[in-house]
Amino acid sequence: MNRGITFGMKVGVIGCCVVALCTGAVLADPIKDAAEKAKKAMEGAKKDAKDAMGQPPAMDEKAMQDAQEAWMKAATPGAEHAEFSKMDGKWTCKIKNMYPGMPSEETDGSMVISTIYEGRYQVGEFKGSMMGMPFDGKLMSGYNNASGQYESVWIDSMSTMMMMTKGKKENGNVVMRGEFMDPSTKKMTKTKDVTRWVDQNTFVMDFFHETDGKEMQVMSITYKRDGTKTDAAKPAEKSAMDKAKEEAMKKAEEEAKKIKDKMPGR
């Protein structure tokens, strides 16, 4: 009898435990789900707050229009770009090399210059020789309306560097400055080149290097126009520039209208 009661009590206790466990599991699942949902909501809120902090404040309509006008002004070719067109064509070159420590030499070459993107940029392709070897180079230059500076990049067949320079007009001449690492000394060398016009068919570029505070001239190139350029292309150039400006303004106005329509209260 005692054994039966003891066995029955054990069965009862086990049953109660099972019921309790089952009941606890049923009650725990909603609590667990709610906790998971709250956790996910908190993580989402943190992400939204972080994203919002990383976004610039919304501009009002006037500020947006002013920003668009500034970008359009910076993108529109001006007087400096119009000057590029007078250099279009083929030029014969007389190169005088006077680099210190190297034998001075005078060689011949040629440069073909053209403008691209409605006069915004200028591209030059040079062919000549240096130290008895063929020497080719390419020049990309332009005038940055936003910075108020001329900018250029030069690459050639006798190096692996891109020579980048910036500058302005000084006393009527375009003066560009930059620097490069001298492969022989592993030191940075400052550069300067000065472009000056002699007449409408002749211009000269003088090149200077500065090391340890001392500036020295290393090269001079005289460009002569290969055939006189006529003014026949000028009306077409102007027409192309005006057309590009009108199209850009039209696109800017369309984009401004789209943004305005999406603003609250519209």
C-alpha atoms as a PDB file:
ATOM      1  CA  MET A   1       0.000   0.000   0.000  1.00  0.00           C
ATOM      2  CA  ASN A   2       2.719   2.382   0.915  1.00  0.00           C
ATOM      3  CA  ARG A   3       4.550   1.312  -2.201  1.00  0.00           C
ATOM      4  CA  GLY A   4       1.470   2.045  -4.333  1.00  0.00           C
ATOM      5  CA  ILE A   5       1.006   5.417  -2.773  1.00  0.00           C
ATOM      6  CA  THR A   6       4.621   6.231  -3.236  1.00  0.00           C
ATOM      7  CA  PHE A   7       4.479   5.167  -6.908  1.00  0.00           C
ATOM      8  CA  GLY A   8       1.273   7.105  -7.437  1.00  0.00           C
ATOM      9  CA  MET A   9       2.710  10.143  -5.811  1.00  0.00           C
ATOM     10  CA  LYS A  10       5.725   9.918  -8.054  1.00  0.00           C
ATOM     11  CA  VAL A  11       3.526   9.644 -11.135  1.00  0.00           C
ATOM     12  CA  GLY A  12       1.521  12.612  -9.929  1.00  0.00           C
ATOM     13  CA  VAL A  13       4.572  14.711  -9.299  1.00  0.00           C
ATOM     14  CA  ILE A  14       5.964  13.863 -12.724  1.00  0.00           C
ATOM     15  CA  GLY A  15       2.614  14.704 -14.299  1.00  0.00           C
ATOM     16  CA  CYS A  16       2.480  18.034 -12.520  1.00  0.00           C
ATOM     17  CA  CYS A  17       5.987  18.800 -13.678  1.00  0.00           C
ATOM     18  CA  VAL A  18       5.081  17.946 -17.253  1.00  0.00           C
ATOM     19  CA  VAL A  19       1.981  20.138 -17.075  1.00  0.00           C
ATOM     20  CA  ALA A  20       3.987  22.916 -15.498  1.00  0.00           C
ATOM     21  CA  LEU A  21       6.658  22.670 -18.158  1.00  0.00           C
ATOM     22  CA  CYS A  22       4.104  22.647 -20.946  1.00  0.00           C
ATOM     23  CA  THR A  23       2.247  25.567 -19.405  1.00  0.00           C
ATOM     24  CA  GLY A  24       5.544  27.484 -18.994  1.00  0.00           C
ATOM     25  CA  ALA A  25       6.465  26.805 -22.610  1.00  0.00           C
ATOM     26  CA  VAL A  26       3.093  28.070 -23.814  1.00  0.00           C
ATOM     27  CA  LEU A  27       3.431  31.239 -21.739  1.00  0.00           C
ATOM     28  CA  ALA A  28       7.125  31.744 -22.650  1.00  0.00           C
ATOM     29  CA  ASP A  29       6.624  31.729 -26.415  1.00  0.00           C
ATOM     30  CA  PRO A  30       4.567  34.983 -26.597  1.00  0.00           C
ATOM     31  CA  ILE A  31       6.961  36.683 -24.186  1.00  0.00           C
ATOM     32  CA  LYS A  32       9.935  35.533 -26.256  1.00  0.00           C
ATOM     33  CA  ASP A  33       8.279  36.682 -29.501  1.00  0.00           C
ATOM     34  CA  ALA A  34       7.463  40.057 -27.990  1.00  0.00           C
ATOM     35  CA  ALA A  35      11.049  40.459 -26.797  1.00  0.00           C
ATOM     36  CA  GLU A  36      12.401  39.568 -30.250  1.00  0.00           C
ATOM     37  CA  LYS A  37      10.038  42.049 -31.910  1.00  0.00           C
ATOM     38  CA  ALA A  38      11.044  44.770 -29.464  1.00  0.00           C
ATOM     39  CA  LYS A  39      14.708  44.040 -30.093  1.00  0.00           C
ATOM     40  CA  LYS A  40      14.249  44.227 -33.866  1.00  0.00           C
ATOM     41  CA  ALA A  41      12.249  47.454 -33.532  1.00  0.00           C
ATOM     42  CA  MET A  42      15.022  48.965 -31.416  1.00  0.00           C
ATOM     43  CA  GLU A  43      17.687  47.937 -33.930  1.00  0.00           C
ATOM     44  CA  GLY A  44      15.601  49.394 -36.763  1.00  0.00           C
ATOM     45  CA  ALA A  45      15.153  52.659 -34.884  1.00  0.00           C
ATOM     46  CA  LYS A  46      18.892  52.887 -34.245  1.00  0.00           C
ATOM     47  CA  LYS A  47      19.619  52.277 -37.947  1.00  0.00           C
ATOM     48  CA  ASP A  48      17.065  54.883 -39.040  1.00  0.00           C
ATOM     49  CA  ALA A  49      18.553  57.399 -36.616  1.00  0.00           C
ATOM     50  CA  LYS A  50      22.068  56.664 -37.873  1.00  0.00           C
ATOM     51  CA  ASP A  51      20.973  57.006 -41.513  1.00  0.00           C
ATOM     52  CA  ALA A  52      19.204  60.263 -40.742  1.00  0.00           C
ATOM     53  CA  MET A  53      22.308  61.683 -39.064  1.00  0.00           C
ATOM     54  CA  GLY A  54      24.334  60.835 -42.158  1.00  0.00           C
ATOM     55  CA  GLN A  55      22.015  62.706 -44.491  1.00  0.00           C
ATOM     56  CA  PRO A  56      22.522  66.404 -45.203  1.00  0.00           C
ATOM     57  CA  PRO A  57      19.684  68.655 -44.080  1.00  0.00           C
ATOM     58  CA  ALA A  58      17.024  69.216 -46.697  1.00  0.00           C
ATOM     59  CA  MET A  59      17.440  72.462 -48.621  1.00  0.00           C
ATOM     60  CA  ASP A  60      14.636  74.894 -49.093  1.00  0.00           C
ATOM     61  CA  GLU A  61      13.530  75.797 -52.582  1.00  0.00           C
ATOM     62  CA  LYS A  62      15.645  78.963 -52.876  1.00  0.00           C
ATOM     63  CA  ALA A  63      18.798  77.237 -51.615  1.00  0.00           C
ATOM     64  CA  MET A  64      18.209  74.437 -54.109  1.00  0.00           C
ATOM     65  CA  GLN A  65      17.815  76.882 -56.976  1.00  0.00           C
ATOM     66  CA  ASP A  66      20.942  78.782 -55.915  1.00  0.00           C
ATOM     67  CA  ALA A  67      22.923  75.527 -55.808  1.00  0.00           C
ATOM     68  CA  GLN A  68      21.708  74.547 -59.274  1.00  0.00           C
ATOM     69  CA  GLU A  69      22.569  77.965 -60.676  1.00  0.00           C
ATOM     70  CA  ALA A  70      26.072  77.730 -59.175  1.00  0.00           C
ATOM     71  CA  TRP A  71      26.607  74.328 -60.791  1.00  0.00           C
ATOM     72  CA  MET A  72      25.322  75.585 -64.138  1.00  0.00           C
ATOM     73  CA  LYS A  73      27.594  78.631 -63.959  1.00  0.00           C
ATOM     74  CA  ALA A  74      30.583  76.401 -63.235  1.00  0.00           C
ATOM     75  CA  ALA A  75      29.682  74.142 -66.169  1.00  0.00           C
ATOM     76  CA  THR A  76      29.244  76.913 -68.748  1.00  0.00           C
ATOM     77  CA  PRO A  77      32.269  77.684 -71.000  1.00  0.00           C
ATOM     78  CA  GLY A  78      33.498  81.256 -70.598  1.00  0.00           C
ATOM     79  CA  ALA A  79      36.077  83.665 -71.968  1.00  0.00           C
ATOM     80  CA  GLU A  80      38.993  81.479 -70.865  1.00  0.00           C
ATOM     81  CA  HIS A  81      37.554  78.519 -72.764  1.00  0.00           C
ATOM     82  CA  ALA A  82      36.953  80.648 -75.847  1.00  0.00           C
ATOM     83  CA  GLU A  83      40.701  81.362 -75.900  1.00  0.00           C
ATOM     84  CA  PHE A  84      41.405  77.653 -76.341  1.00  0.00           C
ATOM     85  CA  SER A  85      39.900  77.682 -79.830  1.00  0.00           C
ATOM     86  CA  LYS A  86      42.613  79.985 -81.181  1.00  0.00           C
ATOM     87  CA  MET A  87      45.124  77.210 -80.503  1.00  0.00           C
ATOM     88  CA  ASP A  88      43.239  74.597 -82.536  1.00  0.00           C
ATOM     89  CA  GLY A  89      45.265  73.175 -85.403  1.00  0.00           C
ATOM     90  CA  LYS A  90      48.699  71.763 -86.154  1.00  0.00           C
ATOM     91  CA  TRP A  91      51.890  73.386 -84.853  1.00  0.00           C
ATOM     92  CA  THR A  92      55.542  72.836 -85.676  1.00  0.00           C
ATOM     93  CA  CYS A  93      57.812  72.802 -82.627  1.00  0.00           C
ATOM     94  CA  LYS A  94      61.423  73.790 -81.991  1.00  0.00           C
ATOM     95  CA  ILE A  95      62.495  72.178 -78.724  1.00  0.00           C
ATOM     96  CA  LYS A  96      65.558  73.388 -76.855  1.00  0.00           C
ATOM     97  CA  ASN A  97      66.658  71.081 -74.048  1.00  0.00           C
ATOM     98  CA  MET A  98      68.897  72.721 -71.433  1.00  0.00           C
ATOM     99  CA  TYR A  99      68.550  70.332 -68.494  1.00  0.00           C
ATOM    100  CA  PRO A 100      71.577  70.617 -66.157  1.00  0.00           C
ATOM    101  CA  GLY A 101      73.974  67.693 -66.402  1.00  0.00           C
ATOM    102  CA  MET A 102      72.718  66.676 -69.842  1.00  0.00           C
ATOM    103  CA  PRO A 103      74.043  67.763 -73.235  1.00  0.00           C
ATOM    104  CA  SER A 104      71.942  70.607 -74.626  1.00  0.00           C
ATOM    105  CA  GLU A 105      70.138  69.778 -77.835  1.00  0.00           C
ATOM    106  CA  GLU A 106      67.658  71.287 -80.253  1.00  0.00           C
ATOM    107  CA  THR A 107      65.118  69.034 -81.913  1.00  0.00           C
ATOM    108  CA  ASP A 108      61.989  69.343 -84.049  1.00  0.00           C
ATOM    109  CA  GLY A 109      58.512  68.143 -83.304  1.00  0.00           C
ATOM    110  CA  SER A 110      54.839  68.760 -83.930  1.00  0.00           C
ATOM    111  CA  MET A 111      51.725  69.270 -81.846  1.00  0.00           C
ATOM    112  CA  VAL A 112      48.091  68.866 -82.900  1.00  0.00           C
ATOM    113  CA  ILE A 113      45.711  70.772 -80.616  1.00  0.00           C
ATOM    114  CA  SER A 114      41.935  70.469 -80.532  1.00  0.00           C
ATOM    115  CA  THR A 115      39.068  71.368 -78.196  1.00  0.00           C
ATOM    116  CA  ILE A 116      36.412  68.935 -76.994  1.00  0.00           C
ATOM    117  CA  TYR A 117      33.032  69.073 -75.200  1.00  0.00           C
ATOM    118  CA  GLU A 118      31.938  72.372 -76.723  1.00  0.00           C
ATOM    119  CA  GLY A 119      35.249  74.061 -75.945  1.00  0.00           C
ATOM    120  CA  ARG A 120      35.448  73.039 -72.274  1.00  0.00           C
ATOM    121  CA  TYR A 121      38.744  71.188 -72.614  1.00  0.00           C
ATOM    122  CA  GLN A 122      41.827  71.220 -74.784  1.00  0.00           C
ATOM    123  CA  VAL A 123      43.712  68.141 -76.017  1.00  0.00           C
ATOM    124  CA  GLY A 124      47.240  68.214 -77.414  1.00  0.00           C
ATOM    125  CA  GLU A 125      49.127  65.365 -79.116  1.00  0.00           C
ATOM    126  CA  PHE A 126      52.884  65.854 -79.365  1.00  0.00           C
ATOM    127  CA  LYS A 127      55.345  63.938 -81.550  1.00  0.00           C
ATOM    128  CA  GLY A 128      59.090  64.493 -81.567  1.00  0.00           C
ATOM    129  CA  SER A 129      62.352  63.032 -80.289  1.00  0.00           C
ATOM    130  CA  MET A 130      64.526  63.288 -77.210  1.00  0.00           C
ATOM    131  CA  MET A 131      68.060  61.985 -76.695  1.00  0.00           C
ATOM    132  CA  GLY A 132      67.869  60.372 -80.112  1.00  0.00           C
ATOM    133  CA  MET A 133      64.705  58.419 -79.318  1.00  0.00           C
ATOM    134  CA  PRO A 134      61.098  58.912 -80.441  1.00  0.00           C
ATOM    135  CA  PHE A 135      59.128  60.936 -77.903  1.00  0.00           C
ATOM    136  CA  ASP A 136      55.330  61.190 -77.852  1.00  0.00           C
ATOM    137  CA  GLY A 137      53.131  62.963 -75.347  1.00  0.00           C
ATOM    138  CA  LYS A 138      49.518  63.907 -74.653  1.00  0.00           C
ATOM    139  CA  LEU A 139      48.193  66.973 -72.887  1.00  0.00           C
ATOM    140  CA  MET A 140      44.732  67.509 -71.395  1.00  0.00           C
ATOM    141  CA  SER A 141      44.040  70.995 -70.095  1.00  0.00           C
ATOM    142  CA  GLY A 142      41.147  73.222 -69.168  1.00  0.00           C
ATOM    143  CA  TYR A 143      39.918  76.103 -67.054  1.00  0.00           C
ATOM    144  CA  ASN A 144      38.016  75.286 -63.858  1.00  0.00           C
ATOM    145  CA  ASN A 145      35.316  77.927 -63.389  1.00  0.00           C
ATOM    146  CA  ALA A 146      34.752  76.920 -59.766  1.00  0.00           C
ATOM    147  CA  SER A 147      38.376  77.263 -58.642  1.00  0.00           C
ATOM    148  CA  GLY A 148      39.310  80.035 -61.074  1.00  0.00           C
ATOM    149  CA  GLN A 149      42.395  78.092 -62.172  1.00  0.00           C
ATOM    150  CA  TYR A 150      43.807  76.464 -65.270  1.00  0.00           C
ATOM    151  CA  GLU A 151      44.435  72.721 -64.837  1.00  0.00           C
ATOM    152  CA  SER A 152      46.435  70.285 -66.946  1.00  0.00           C
ATOM    153  CA  VAL A 153      47.636  66.682 -67.068  1.00  0.00           C
ATOM    154  CA  TRP A 154      50.603  65.558 -69.189  1.00  0.00           C
ATOM    155  CA  ILE A 155      51.671  61.977 -70.010  1.00  0.00           C
ATOM    156  CA  ASP A 156      54.410  60.795 -72.355  1.00  0.00           C
ATOM    157  CA  SER A 157      56.225  57.759 -73.740  1.00  0.00           C
ATOM    158  CA  MET A 158      59.370  58.261 -71.615  1.00  0.00           C
ATOM    159  CA  SER A 159      57.878  58.091 -68.121  1.00  0.00           C
ATOM    160  CA  THR A 160      55.173  56.425 -66.045  1.00  0.00           C
ATOM    161  CA  MET A 161      54.039  59.505 -64.145  1.00  0.00           C
ATOM    162  CA  MET A 162      51.177  61.873 -64.765  1.00  0.00           C
ATOM    163  CA  MET A 163      52.388  65.455 -64.520  1.00  0.00           C
ATOM    164  CA  MET A 164      49.557  67.525 -63.002  1.00  0.00           C
ATOM    165  CA  THR A 165      49.759  71.308 -62.817  1.00  0.00           C
ATOM    166  CA  LYS A 166      47.484  74.221 -61.900  1.00  0.00           C
ATOM    167  CA  GLY A 167      47.832  77.950 -62.357  1.00  0.00           C
ATOM    168  CA  LYS A 168      46.541  81.365 -63.340  1.00  0.00           C
ATOM    169  CA  LYS A 169      47.442  84.253 -65.613  1.00  0.00           C
ATOM    170  CA  GLU A 170      50.342  86.347 -64.417  1.00  0.00           C
ATOM    171  CA  ASN A 171      51.258  89.483 -66.370  1.00  0.00           C
ATOM    172  CA  GLY A 172      49.282  88.214 -69.349  1.00  0.00           C
ATOM    173  CA  ASN A 173      50.972  84.789 -69.416  1.00  0.00           C
ATOM    174  CA  VAL A 174      49.529  81.484 -68.218  1.00  0.00           C
ATOM    175  CA  VAL A 175      51.770  80.187 -65.410  1.00  0.00           C
ATOM    176  CA  MET A 176      51.279  76.572 -64.303  1.00  0.00           C
ATOM    177  CA  ARG A 177      52.875  74.952 -61.245  1.00  0.00           C
ATOM    178  CA  GLY A 178      53.167  71.412 -59.941  1.00  0.00           C
ATOM    179  CA  GLU A 179      55.637  68.893 -58.597  1.00  0.00           C
ATOM    180  CA  PHE A 180      56.923  65.393 -59.278  1.00  0.00           C
ATOM    181  CA  MET A 181      59.281  62.868 -57.707  1.00  0.00           C
ATOM    182  CA  ASP A 182      62.724  62.822 -59.330  1.00  0.00           C
ATOM    183  CA  PRO A 183      63.501  59.105 -59.958  1.00  0.00           C
ATOM    184  CA  SER A 184      67.255  59.675 -59.482  1.00  0.00           C
ATOM    185  CA  THR A 185      67.083  61.509 -56.142  1.00  0.00           C
ATOM    186  CA  LYS A 186      63.696  60.311 -54.837  1.00  0.00           C
ATOM    187  CA  LYS A 187      63.009  63.946 -53.925  1.00  0.00           C
ATOM    188  CA  MET A 188      60.048  66.066 -54.908  1.00  0.00           C
ATOM    189  CA  THR A 189      60.884  68.632 -57.577  1.00  0.00           C
ATOM    190  CA  LYS A 190      58.732  71.707 -58.122  1.00  0.00           C
ATOM    191  CA  THR A 191      57.861  72.631 -61.701  1.00  0.00           C
ATOM    192  CA  LYS A 192      56.696  75.754 -63.473  1.00  0.00           C
ATOM    193  CA  ASP A 193      55.822  76.353 -67.101  1.00  0.00           C
ATOM    194  CA  VAL A 194      55.021  79.712 -68.637  1.00  0.00           C
ATOM    195  CA  THR A 195      53.039  80.083 -71.869  1.00  0.00           C
ATOM    196  CA  ARG A 196      53.484  83.397 -73.659  1.00  0.00           C
ATOM    197  CA  TRP A 197      52.198  84.534 -77.038  1.00  0.00           C
ATOM    198  CA  VAL A 198      54.600  86.174 -79.495  1.00  0.00           C
ATOM    199  CA  ASP A 199      51.970  86.773 -82.186  1.00  0.00           C
ATOM    200  CA  GLN A 200      48.737  85.102 -83.274  1.00  0.00           C
ATOM    201  CA  ASN A 201      50.671  82.299 -84.981  1.00  0.00           C
ATOM    202  CA  THR A 202      53.512  81.847 -82.485  1.00  0.00           C
ATOM    203  CA  PHE A 203      53.684  81.007 -78.790  1.00  0.00           C
ATOM    204  CA  VAL A 204      56.470  79.841 -76.485  1.00  0.00           C
ATOM    205  CA  MET A 205      56.444  77.536 -73.468  1.00  0.00           C
ATOM    206  CA  ASP A 206      59.336  77.850 -70.996  1.00  0.00           C
ATOM    207  CA  PHE A 207      59.817  75.092 -68.412  1.00  0.00           C
ATOM    208  CA  PHE A 208      61.511  75.453 -65.022  1.00  0.00           C
ATOM    209  CA  HIS A 209      62.458  73.073 -62.194  1.00  0.00           C
ATOM    210  CA  GLU A 210      63.134  74.024 -58.591  1.00  0.00           C
ATOM    211  CA  THR A 211      65.300  71.861 -56.345  1.00  0.00           C
ATOM    212  CA  ASP A 212      66.515  72.843 -52.871  1.00  0.00           C
ATOM    213  CA  GLY A 213      65.047  76.309 -53.384  1.00  0.00           C
ATOM    214  CA  LYS A 214      66.902  76.960 -56.662  1.00  0.00           C
ATOM    215  CA  GLU A 215      64.927  77.467 -59.880  1.00  0.00           C
ATOM    216  CA  MET A 216      66.492  76.695 -63.252  1.00  0.00           C
ATOM    217  CA  GLN A 217      65.166  76.606 -66.803  1.00  0.00           C
ATOM    218  CA  VAL A 218      65.245  73.117 -68.288  1.00  0.00           C
ATOM    219  CA  MET A 219      63.457  73.479 -71.632  1.00  0.00           C
ATOM    220  CA  SER A 220      61.913  75.906 -74.082  1.00  0.00           C
ATOM    221  CA  ILE A 221      59.515  75.063 -76.919  1.00  0.00           C
ATOM    222  CA  THR A 222      58.566  77.481 -79.683  1.00  0.00           C
ATOM    223  CA  TYR A 223      55.316  76.680 -81.480  1.00  0.00           C
ATOM    224  CA  LYS A 224      54.649  77.967 -85.004  1.00  0.00           C
ATOM    225  CA  ARG A 225      51.278  77.500 -86.621  1.00  0.00           C
ATOM    226  CA  ASP A 226      51.428  75.074 -89.528  1.00  0.00           C
ATOM    227  CA  GLY A 227      49.260  77.095 -91.904  1.00  0.00           C
ATOM    228  CA  THR A 228      47.193  80.133 -90.970  1.00  0.00           C
ATOM    229  CA  LYS A 229      43.938  79.324 -89.245  1.00  0.00           C
ATOM    230  CA  THR A 230      40.848  81.004 -90.710  1.00  0.00           C
ATOM    231  CA  ASP A 231      37.923  82.400 -88.750  1.00  0.00           C
ATOM    232  CA  ALA A 232      35.431  80.211 -90.615  1.00  0.00           C
ATOM    233  CA  ALA A 233      35.016  77.839 -87.673  1.00  0.00           C
ATOM    234  CA  LYS A 234      34.244  80.546 -85.114  1.00  0.00           C
ATOM    235  CA  PRO A 235      30.479  80.910 -85.798  1.00  0.00           C
ATOM    236  CA  ALA A 236      30.044  77.111 -85.575  1.00  0.00           C
ATOM    237  CA  GLU A 237      32.002  76.972 -82.313  1.00  0.00           C
ATOM    238  CA  LYS A 238      29.855  79.716 -80.830  1.00  0.00           C
ATOM    239  CA  SER A 239      26.688  78.035 -82.024  1.00  0.00           C
ATOM    240  CA  ALA A 240      27.734  74.725 -80.463  1.00  0.00           C
ATOM    241  CA  MET A 241      28.541  76.379 -77.147  1.00  0.00           C
ATOM    242  CA  ASP A 242      25.233  78.257 -77.091  1.00  0.00           C
ATOM    243  CA  LYS A 243      23.336  75.075 -77.943  1.00  0.00           C
ATOM    244  CA  ALA A 244      25.069  73.134 -75.183  1.00  0.00           C
ATOM    245  CA  LYS A 245      24.299  75.905 -72.693  1.00  0.00           C
ATOM    246  CA  GLU A 246      20.616  75.964 -73.659  1.00  0.00           C
ATOM    247  CA  GLU A 247      20.315  72.167 -73.361  1.00  0.00           C
ATOM    248  CA  ALA A 248      22.028  72.173 -69.967  1.00  0.00           C
ATOM    249  CA  MET A 249      19.760  74.952 -68.681  1.00  0.00           C
ATOM    250  CA  LYS A 250      16.690  73.086 -69.930  1.00  0.00           C
ATOM    251  CA  LYS A 251      17.722  69.897 -68.130  1.00  0.00           C
ATOM    252  CA  ALA A 252      18.440  71.827 -64.944  1.00  0.00           C
ATOM    253  CA  GLU A 253      14.986  73.440 -65.052  1.00  0.00           C
ATOM    254  CA  GLU A 254      13.338  70.045 -65.592  1.00  0.00           C
ATOM    255  CA  GLU A 255      15.203  68.531 -62.641  1.00  0.00           C
ATOM    256  CA  ALA A 256      14.324  71.534 -60.461  1.00  0.00           C
ATOM    257  CA  LYS A 257      10.630  71.105 -61.339  1.00  0.00           C
ATOM    258  CA  LYS A 258      10.731  67.393 -60.438  1.00  0.00           C
ATOM    259  CA  ILE A 259      12.288  68.148 -57.061  1.00  0.00           C
ATOM    260  CA  LYS A 260       9.842  71.002 -56.426  1.00  0.00           C
ATOM    261  CA  ASP A 261       6.842  68.740 -57.190  1.00  0.00           C
ATOM    262  CA  LYS A 262       8.090  66.206 -54.626  1.00  0.00           C
ATOM    263  CA  MET A 263       8.449  68.757 -51.848  1.00  0.00           C
ATOM    264  CA  PRO A 264       5.927  68.561 -48.946  1.00  0.00           C
ATOM    265  CA  GLY A 265       2.776  70.603 -49.437  1.00  0.00           C
ATOM    266  CA  ARG A 266       2.922  70.344 -53.242  1.00  0.00           C
END
